[in-house]
Amino acid sequence: MNNPVYGLIIGNIKGARDPSDPDPDPKWDNGRNNEVEENDTHDLVEGSAVQTRGQVQKEKEKYKTLKVTSITDNFTSVDDMIVAQNEDATLDKYREYANTGVKKFTGQQNVSWFVIEDGLLFRYFQSPKVTQLEMV
């Protein structure tokens, strides 16, 4: 072979048999699909595996649990939210926008406006770049 794909060719190994002359060993069976019987484990050779420093570091760190605040501790009813919005003086300007129906144009084509629905102050935003989504 002038340009072999691999540096080792089975034919170059002393004692290698020709494909037309298979191993006469009675244990050899072409239909085994490389399965190893329980009593054949003495013929197995252990392989070597290497871990990089990064893999070892990740293995040491384990999975970190995500810190999440408890929802039951921060529960707010709709009535509490209405009272809190009504007491907040910083929202007076936006309540006025909601009562007059003023729409604010921001950017080139963005529109925002405020409405009061069921006693709660909501801000709506519309942009041609964002599809309209309805929150239920």
N, C-alpha and C. Protein backbone atom coordinates (compact mmCIF):
# COMPACT_ATOMS: atom_id res chain seq x y z
N MET A 1 0.85 -1.18 0.00
CA MET A 1 0.00 0.00 0.00
C MET A 1 0.90 1.24 0.00
N ASN A 2 0.65 2.12 -0.93
CA ASN A 2 1.45 3.33 -1.03
C ASN A 2 1.03 4.37 0.00
N ASN A 3 -0.27 4.62 0.14
CA ASN A 3 -0.79 5.63 1.07
C ASN A 3 -1.84 4.99 1.98
N PRO A 4 -1.44 4.24 3.00
CA PRO A 4 -2.43 3.60 3.86
C PRO A 4 -3.16 4.66 4.71
N VAL A 5 -4.43 4.38 5.01
CA VAL A 5 -5.24 5.29 5.81
C VAL A 5 -4.76 5.28 7.26
N TYR A 6 -4.33 4.12 7.74
CA TYR A 6 -3.88 3.97 9.12
C TYR A 6 -2.45 3.48 9.14
N GLY A 7 -1.75 3.73 10.23
CA GLY A 7 -0.38 3.30 10.37
C GLY A 7 -0.25 1.82 10.67
N LEU A 8 -1.32 1.19 11.09
CA LEU A 8 -1.29 -0.23 11.42
C LEU A 8 -2.22 -0.97 10.48
N ILE A 9 -1.69 -1.94 9.80
CA ILE A 9 -2.49 -2.76 8.91
C ILE A 9 -2.41 -4.18 9.45
N ILE A 10 -3.57 -4.81 9.61
CA ILE A 10 -3.63 -6.13 10.25
C ILE A 10 -2.69 -7.11 9.56
N GLY A 11 -2.55 -7.01 8.29
CA GLY A 11 -1.67 -7.94 7.56
C GLY A 11 -0.22 -7.80 7.96
N ASN A 12 0.17 -6.68 8.55
CA ASN A 12 1.56 -6.47 8.95
C ASN A 12 1.88 -7.11 10.30
N ILE A 13 0.87 -7.58 11.01
CA ILE A 13 1.09 -8.18 12.32
C ILE A 13 1.44 -9.65 12.15
N LYS A 14 2.50 -10.07 12.82
CA LYS A 14 2.95 -11.46 12.74
C LYS A 14 1.88 -12.38 13.32
N GLY A 15 1.48 -13.38 12.61
CA GLY A 15 0.49 -14.33 13.05
C GLY A 15 -0.93 -13.97 12.65
N ALA A 16 -1.13 -12.83 11.96
CA ALA A 16 -2.47 -12.45 11.52
C ALA A 16 -2.93 -13.41 10.43
N ARG A 17 -4.19 -13.74 10.47
CA ARG A 17 -4.73 -14.71 9.51
C ARG A 17 -5.45 -13.99 8.38
N ASP A 18 -5.51 -14.61 7.27
CA ASP A 18 -6.19 -14.09 6.09
C ASP A 18 -7.71 -14.14 6.34
N PRO A 19 -8.49 -13.18 5.81
CA PRO A 19 -9.93 -13.22 6.02
C PRO A 19 -10.60 -14.50 5.53
N SER A 20 -10.02 -15.12 4.56
CA SER A 20 -10.61 -16.38 4.07
C SER A 20 -10.24 -17.56 4.96
N ASP A 21 -9.33 -17.36 5.92
CA ASP A 21 -8.88 -18.42 6.82
C ASP A 21 -9.17 -17.99 8.26
N PRO A 22 -10.42 -18.10 8.72
CA PRO A 22 -10.78 -17.61 10.06
C PRO A 22 -10.14 -18.43 11.17
N ASP A 23 -10.24 -17.89 12.36
CA ASP A 23 -9.69 -18.52 13.55
C ASP A 23 -10.38 -19.86 13.79
N PRO A 24 -9.62 -20.94 13.98
CA PRO A 24 -10.24 -22.26 14.20
C PRO A 24 -10.73 -22.45 15.63
N ASP A 25 -10.63 -21.43 16.49
CA ASP A 25 -11.05 -21.55 17.88
C ASP A 25 -12.55 -21.87 17.93
N PRO A 26 -12.98 -22.91 18.64
CA PRO A 26 -14.40 -23.27 18.69
C PRO A 26 -15.27 -22.22 19.39
N LYS A 27 -14.69 -21.35 20.23
CA LYS A 27 -15.47 -20.32 20.91
C LYS A 27 -15.85 -19.19 19.95
N TRP A 28 -15.09 -19.08 18.83
CA TRP A 28 -15.33 -17.98 17.90
C TRP A 28 -16.63 -18.23 17.15
N ASP A 29 -17.52 -17.22 17.19
CA ASP A 29 -18.81 -17.33 16.52
C ASP A 29 -19.10 -15.98 15.87
N ASN A 30 -19.29 -15.96 14.59
CA ASN A 30 -19.51 -14.72 13.85
C ASN A 30 -20.82 -14.05 14.24
N GLY A 31 -21.81 -14.78 14.74
CA GLY A 31 -23.12 -14.22 15.07
C GLY A 31 -23.21 -13.65 16.48
N ARG A 32 -22.11 -13.58 17.21
CA ARG A 32 -22.15 -13.13 18.60
C ARG A 32 -22.34 -11.63 18.75
N ASN A 33 -22.09 -10.86 17.72
CA ASN A 33 -22.22 -9.39 17.77
C ASN A 33 -21.40 -8.78 18.89
N ASN A 34 -20.19 -9.30 19.07
CA ASN A 34 -19.25 -8.78 20.06
C ASN A 34 -19.77 -8.85 21.49
N GLU A 35 -20.72 -9.72 21.78
CA GLU A 35 -21.20 -9.90 23.14
C GLU A 35 -20.21 -10.78 23.89
N VAL A 36 -20.05 -10.53 25.16
CA VAL A 36 -19.11 -11.28 25.98
C VAL A 36 -19.90 -12.11 26.96
N GLU A 37 -19.60 -13.38 27.00
CA GLU A 37 -20.25 -14.25 27.97
C GLU A 37 -19.65 -14.00 29.34
N GLU A 38 -20.37 -14.37 30.39
CA GLU A 38 -19.93 -14.10 31.75
C GLU A 38 -18.58 -14.75 32.06
N ASN A 39 -18.33 -15.96 31.53
CA ASN A 39 -17.08 -16.65 31.83
C ASN A 39 -15.93 -16.20 30.94
N ASP A 40 -16.18 -15.28 29.99
CA ASP A 40 -15.12 -14.79 29.11
C ASP A 40 -14.51 -13.48 29.61
N THR A 41 -14.82 -13.06 30.83
CA THR A 41 -14.35 -11.76 31.31
C THR A 41 -12.84 -11.72 31.51
N HIS A 42 -12.18 -12.87 31.61
CA HIS A 42 -10.73 -12.86 31.80
C HIS A 42 -10.00 -12.37 30.55
N ASP A 43 -10.68 -12.38 29.39
CA ASP A 43 -10.07 -11.93 28.15
C ASP A 43 -10.21 -10.42 27.93
N LEU A 44 -11.02 -9.75 28.77
CA LEU A 44 -11.25 -8.33 28.59
C LEU A 44 -10.04 -7.52 29.03
N VAL A 45 -9.80 -6.44 28.33
CA VAL A 45 -8.72 -5.53 28.68
C VAL A 45 -9.35 -4.21 29.09
N GLU A 46 -8.97 -3.69 30.25
CA GLU A 46 -9.53 -2.43 30.70
C GLU A 46 -8.94 -1.29 29.90
N GLY A 47 -9.79 -0.33 29.55
CA GLY A 47 -9.34 0.84 28.80
C GLY A 47 -9.01 1.97 29.73
N SER A 48 -8.35 2.94 29.22
CA SER A 48 -7.99 4.11 30.01
C SER A 48 -8.88 5.28 29.61
N ALA A 49 -9.31 6.04 30.59
CA ALA A 49 -10.12 7.22 30.32
C ALA A 49 -9.46 8.39 31.03
N VAL A 50 -9.59 9.56 30.44
CA VAL A 50 -8.96 10.75 30.99
C VAL A 50 -10.03 11.82 31.18
N GLN A 51 -9.95 12.53 32.29
CA GLN A 51 -10.83 13.66 32.54
C GLN A 51 -10.00 14.93 32.52
N THR A 52 -10.54 15.96 31.88
CA THR A 52 -9.86 17.24 31.86
C THR A 52 -10.04 17.93 33.21
N ARG A 53 -9.25 18.97 33.46
CA ARG A 53 -9.39 19.71 34.71
C ARG A 53 -10.77 20.32 34.83
N GLY A 54 -11.31 20.80 33.70
CA GLY A 54 -12.64 21.39 33.72
C GLY A 54 -13.71 20.37 34.08
N GLN A 55 -13.59 19.15 33.55
CA GLN A 55 -14.57 18.11 33.88
C GLN A 55 -14.49 17.73 35.35
N VAL A 56 -13.30 17.66 35.90
CA VAL A 56 -13.14 17.33 37.31
C VAL A 56 -13.76 18.43 38.17
N GLN A 57 -13.53 19.71 37.79
CA GLN A 57 -14.08 20.83 38.55
C GLN A 57 -15.60 20.80 38.53
N LYS A 58 -16.20 20.55 37.35
CA LYS A 58 -17.65 20.49 37.25
C LYS A 58 -18.22 19.35 38.08
N GLU A 59 -17.51 18.24 38.12
CA GLU A 59 -17.96 17.09 38.89
C GLU A 59 -17.96 17.40 40.38
N LYS A 60 -16.99 18.19 40.83
CA LYS A 60 -16.91 18.56 42.24
C LYS A 60 -18.03 19.52 42.63
N GLU A 61 -18.41 20.43 41.71
CA GLU A 61 -19.39 21.45 42.03
C GLU A 61 -20.79 20.89 42.25
N LYS A 62 -21.13 19.83 41.58
CA LYS A 62 -22.48 19.26 41.63
C LYS A 62 -23.50 20.28 41.14
N TYR A 63 -24.75 19.93 41.20
CA TYR A 63 -25.80 20.84 40.77
C TYR A 63 -26.20 21.75 41.92
N LYS A 64 -26.27 23.04 41.61
CA LYS A 64 -26.69 24.00 42.63
C LYS A 64 -28.20 24.15 42.55
N THR A 65 -28.83 24.20 43.71
CA THR A 65 -30.28 24.38 43.73
C THR A 65 -30.61 25.83 43.47
N LEU A 66 -31.68 26.06 42.77
CA LEU A 66 -32.12 27.40 42.44
C LEU A 66 -32.86 27.99 43.64
N LYS A 67 -32.48 29.19 44.04
CA LYS A 67 -33.12 29.84 45.16
C LYS A 67 -34.38 30.54 44.67
N VAL A 68 -35.52 30.14 45.19
CA VAL A 68 -36.80 30.69 44.78
C VAL A 68 -37.53 31.16 46.02
N THR A 69 -38.08 32.36 45.96
CA THR A 69 -38.84 32.84 47.10
C THR A 69 -40.16 32.10 47.19
N SER A 70 -40.62 31.93 48.37
CA SER A 70 -41.87 31.21 48.58
C SER A 70 -43.05 32.10 48.20
N ILE A 71 -43.94 31.59 47.40
CA ILE A 71 -45.10 32.36 46.94
C ILE A 71 -46.09 32.54 48.07
N THR A 72 -46.21 31.57 48.94
CA THR A 72 -47.19 31.66 50.03
C THR A 72 -46.87 32.79 50.99
N ASP A 73 -45.57 33.13 51.14
CA ASP A 73 -45.19 34.22 52.05
C ASP A 73 -45.52 35.59 51.45
N ASN A 74 -45.53 35.70 50.12
CA ASN A 74 -45.72 36.99 49.47
C ASN A 74 -47.10 37.09 48.81
N PHE A 75 -48.08 36.41 49.31
CA PHE A 75 -49.39 36.41 48.68
C PHE A 75 -50.08 37.75 48.90
N THR A 76 -50.57 38.32 47.80
CA THR A 76 -51.30 39.59 47.84
C THR A 76 -52.61 39.39 47.11
N SER A 77 -53.70 39.77 47.74
CA SER A 77 -55.00 39.63 47.10
C SER A 77 -55.24 40.82 46.18
N VAL A 78 -56.26 40.73 45.35
CA VAL A 78 -56.62 41.80 44.43
C VAL A 78 -57.04 43.03 45.22
N ASP A 79 -57.78 42.82 46.29
CA ASP A 79 -58.23 43.95 47.13
C ASP A 79 -57.03 44.68 47.74
N ASP A 80 -56.01 43.92 48.19
CA ASP A 80 -54.81 44.54 48.75
C ASP A 80 -54.08 45.35 47.69
N MET A 81 -54.05 44.86 46.45
CA MET A 81 -53.39 45.56 45.37
C MET A 81 -54.13 46.85 45.02
N ILE A 82 -55.44 46.81 45.03
CA ILE A 82 -56.24 48.02 44.75
C ILE A 82 -55.97 49.09 45.80
N VAL A 83 -55.95 48.68 47.07
CA VAL A 83 -55.68 49.62 48.16
C VAL A 83 -54.27 50.19 48.03
N ALA A 84 -53.29 49.34 47.72
CA ALA A 84 -51.91 49.80 47.60
C ALA A 84 -51.75 50.77 46.44
N GLN A 85 -52.40 50.50 45.31
CA GLN A 85 -52.32 51.43 44.17
C GLN A 85 -52.98 52.77 44.50
N ASN A 86 -54.11 52.73 45.18
CA ASN A 86 -54.82 53.97 45.51
C ASN A 86 -54.03 54.82 46.51
N GLU A 87 -53.27 54.20 47.40
CA GLU A 87 -52.49 54.93 48.39
C GLU A 87 -51.17 55.46 47.82
N ASP A 88 -50.74 54.95 46.69
CA ASP A 88 -49.45 55.34 46.11
C ASP A 88 -49.59 56.64 45.32
N ALA A 89 -49.01 57.71 45.84
CA ALA A 89 -49.13 59.03 45.22
C ALA A 89 -48.35 59.13 43.92
N THR A 90 -47.35 58.28 43.72
CA THR A 90 -46.55 58.34 42.49
C THR A 90 -47.35 57.88 41.28
N LEU A 91 -48.49 57.25 41.49
CA LEU A 91 -49.32 56.78 40.38
C LEU A 91 -50.39 57.80 39.97
N ASP A 92 -50.45 58.96 40.64
CA ASP A 92 -51.47 59.96 40.33
C ASP A 92 -51.42 60.41 38.87
N LYS A 93 -50.23 60.64 38.35
CA LYS A 93 -50.07 61.08 36.96
C LYS A 93 -50.64 60.03 35.99
N TYR A 94 -50.41 58.75 36.28
CA TYR A 94 -50.86 57.68 35.40
C TYR A 94 -52.36 57.44 35.52
N ARG A 95 -52.90 57.69 36.72
CA ARG A 95 -54.36 57.62 36.86
C ARG A 95 -55.03 58.71 36.04
N GLU A 96 -54.40 59.88 36.00
CA GLU A 96 -54.92 60.99 35.18
C GLU A 96 -54.88 60.61 33.69
N TYR A 97 -53.79 59.98 33.26
CA TYR A 97 -53.70 59.50 31.87
C TYR A 97 -54.83 58.50 31.58
N ALA A 98 -55.12 57.64 32.52
CA ALA A 98 -56.17 56.63 32.33
C ALA A 98 -57.54 57.29 32.24
N ASN A 99 -57.79 58.31 33.07
CA ASN A 99 -59.10 58.99 33.07
C ASN A 99 -59.31 59.81 31.80
N THR A 100 -58.23 60.41 31.26
CA THR A 100 -58.38 61.25 30.07
C THR A 100 -58.21 60.46 28.77
N GLY A 101 -57.66 59.27 28.85
CA GLY A 101 -57.46 58.45 27.65
C GLY A 101 -56.27 58.87 26.81
N VAL A 102 -55.32 59.56 27.42
CA VAL A 102 -54.13 60.03 26.71
C VAL A 102 -53.26 58.84 26.30
N LYS A 103 -52.80 58.86 25.05
CA LYS A 103 -51.87 57.83 24.57
C LYS A 103 -50.52 58.48 24.35
N LYS A 104 -49.47 57.83 24.84
CA LYS A 104 -48.12 58.35 24.71
C LYS A 104 -47.43 57.60 23.58
N PHE A 105 -46.83 58.36 22.65
CA PHE A 105 -46.08 57.76 21.56
C PHE A 105 -44.60 57.85 21.90
N THR A 106 -43.97 56.68 21.93
CA THR A 106 -42.55 56.62 22.25
C THR A 106 -41.83 55.95 21.10
N GLY A 107 -40.61 56.33 20.88
CA GLY A 107 -39.88 55.77 19.75
C GLY A 107 -40.53 56.22 18.46
N GLN A 108 -40.47 55.39 17.44
CA GLN A 108 -41.03 55.76 16.15
C GLN A 108 -42.50 55.38 16.03
N GLN A 109 -42.86 54.18 16.47
CA GLN A 109 -44.24 53.73 16.30
C GLN A 109 -44.80 53.05 17.54
N ASN A 110 -44.16 53.17 18.67
CA ASN A 110 -44.63 52.54 19.90
C ASN A 110 -45.68 53.42 20.57
N VAL A 111 -46.71 52.78 21.11
CA VAL A 111 -47.79 53.50 21.78
C VAL A 111 -48.02 52.85 23.14
N SER A 112 -48.18 53.67 24.17
CA SER A 112 -48.56 53.13 25.49
C SER A 112 -49.68 53.98 26.05
N TRP A 113 -50.57 53.36 26.81
CA TRP A 113 -51.68 54.05 27.44
C TRP A 113 -52.07 53.32 28.71
N PHE A 114 -52.79 54.03 29.56
CA PHE A 114 -53.18 53.49 30.86
C PHE A 114 -54.69 53.38 30.93
N VAL A 115 -55.18 52.36 31.60
CA VAL A 115 -56.61 52.18 31.83
C VAL A 115 -56.82 51.68 33.25
N ILE A 116 -57.99 51.94 33.77
CA ILE A 116 -58.37 51.41 35.08
C ILE A 116 -59.46 50.38 34.82
N GLU A 117 -59.17 49.13 35.17
CA GLU A 117 -60.11 48.03 34.99
C GLU A 117 -60.33 47.34 36.33
N ASP A 118 -61.57 47.26 36.75
CA ASP A 118 -61.94 46.63 38.02
C ASP A 118 -61.17 47.24 39.19
N GLY A 119 -60.90 48.54 39.13
CA GLY A 119 -60.24 49.24 40.21
C GLY A 119 -58.72 49.17 40.16
N LEU A 120 -58.16 48.43 39.22
CA LEU A 120 -56.70 48.31 39.10
C LEU A 120 -56.20 49.13 37.93
N LEU A 121 -55.04 49.75 38.09
CA LEU A 121 -54.41 50.54 37.04
C LEU A 121 -53.52 49.62 36.20
N PHE A 122 -53.75 49.63 34.88
CA PHE A 122 -52.98 48.81 33.96
C PHE A 122 -52.32 49.70 32.91
N ARG A 123 -51.16 49.31 32.46
CA ARG A 123 -50.48 49.98 31.36
C ARG A 123 -50.50 49.05 30.17
N TYR A 124 -50.90 49.55 29.01
CA TYR A 124 -50.88 48.79 27.77
C TYR A 124 -49.78 49.35 26.88
N PHE A 125 -49.15 48.47 26.15
CA PHE A 125 -48.05 48.86 25.26
C PHE A 125 -48.27 48.17 23.92
N GLN A 126 -48.07 48.93 22.86
CA GLN A 126 -48.25 48.36 21.53
C GLN A 126 -47.06 48.77 20.67
N SER A 127 -46.50 47.79 19.97
CA SER A 127 -45.37 48.03 19.09
C SER A 127 -45.56 47.21 17.82
N PRO A 128 -45.20 47.75 16.67
CA PRO A 128 -45.32 46.96 15.44
C PRO A 128 -44.32 45.80 15.40
N LYS A 129 -43.29 45.85 16.24
CA LYS A 129 -42.29 44.78 16.27
C LYS A 129 -42.72 43.60 17.14
N VAL A 130 -43.74 43.80 17.97
CA VAL A 130 -44.17 42.76 18.91
C VAL A 130 -45.60 42.38 18.56
N THR A 131 -45.85 41.07 18.47
CA THR A 131 -47.22 40.63 18.20
C THR A 131 -48.07 40.82 19.44
N GLN A 132 -49.34 41.05 19.23
CA GLN A 132 -50.28 41.31 20.34
C GLN A 132 -50.53 40.01 21.09
N LEU A 133 -50.30 40.02 22.38
CA LEU A 133 -50.55 38.85 23.22
C LEU A 133 -51.62 39.20 24.23
N GLU A 134 -52.49 38.25 24.49
CA GLU A 134 -53.53 38.49 25.49
C GLU A 134 -53.20 37.68 26.72
N MET A 135 -53.13 38.34 27.86
CA MET A 135 -52.83 37.64 29.11
C MET A 135 -54.14 37.34 29.82
N VAL A 136 -54.28 36.09 30.22
CA VAL A 136 -55.52 35.65 30.88
C VAL A 136 -55.24 35.43 32.34
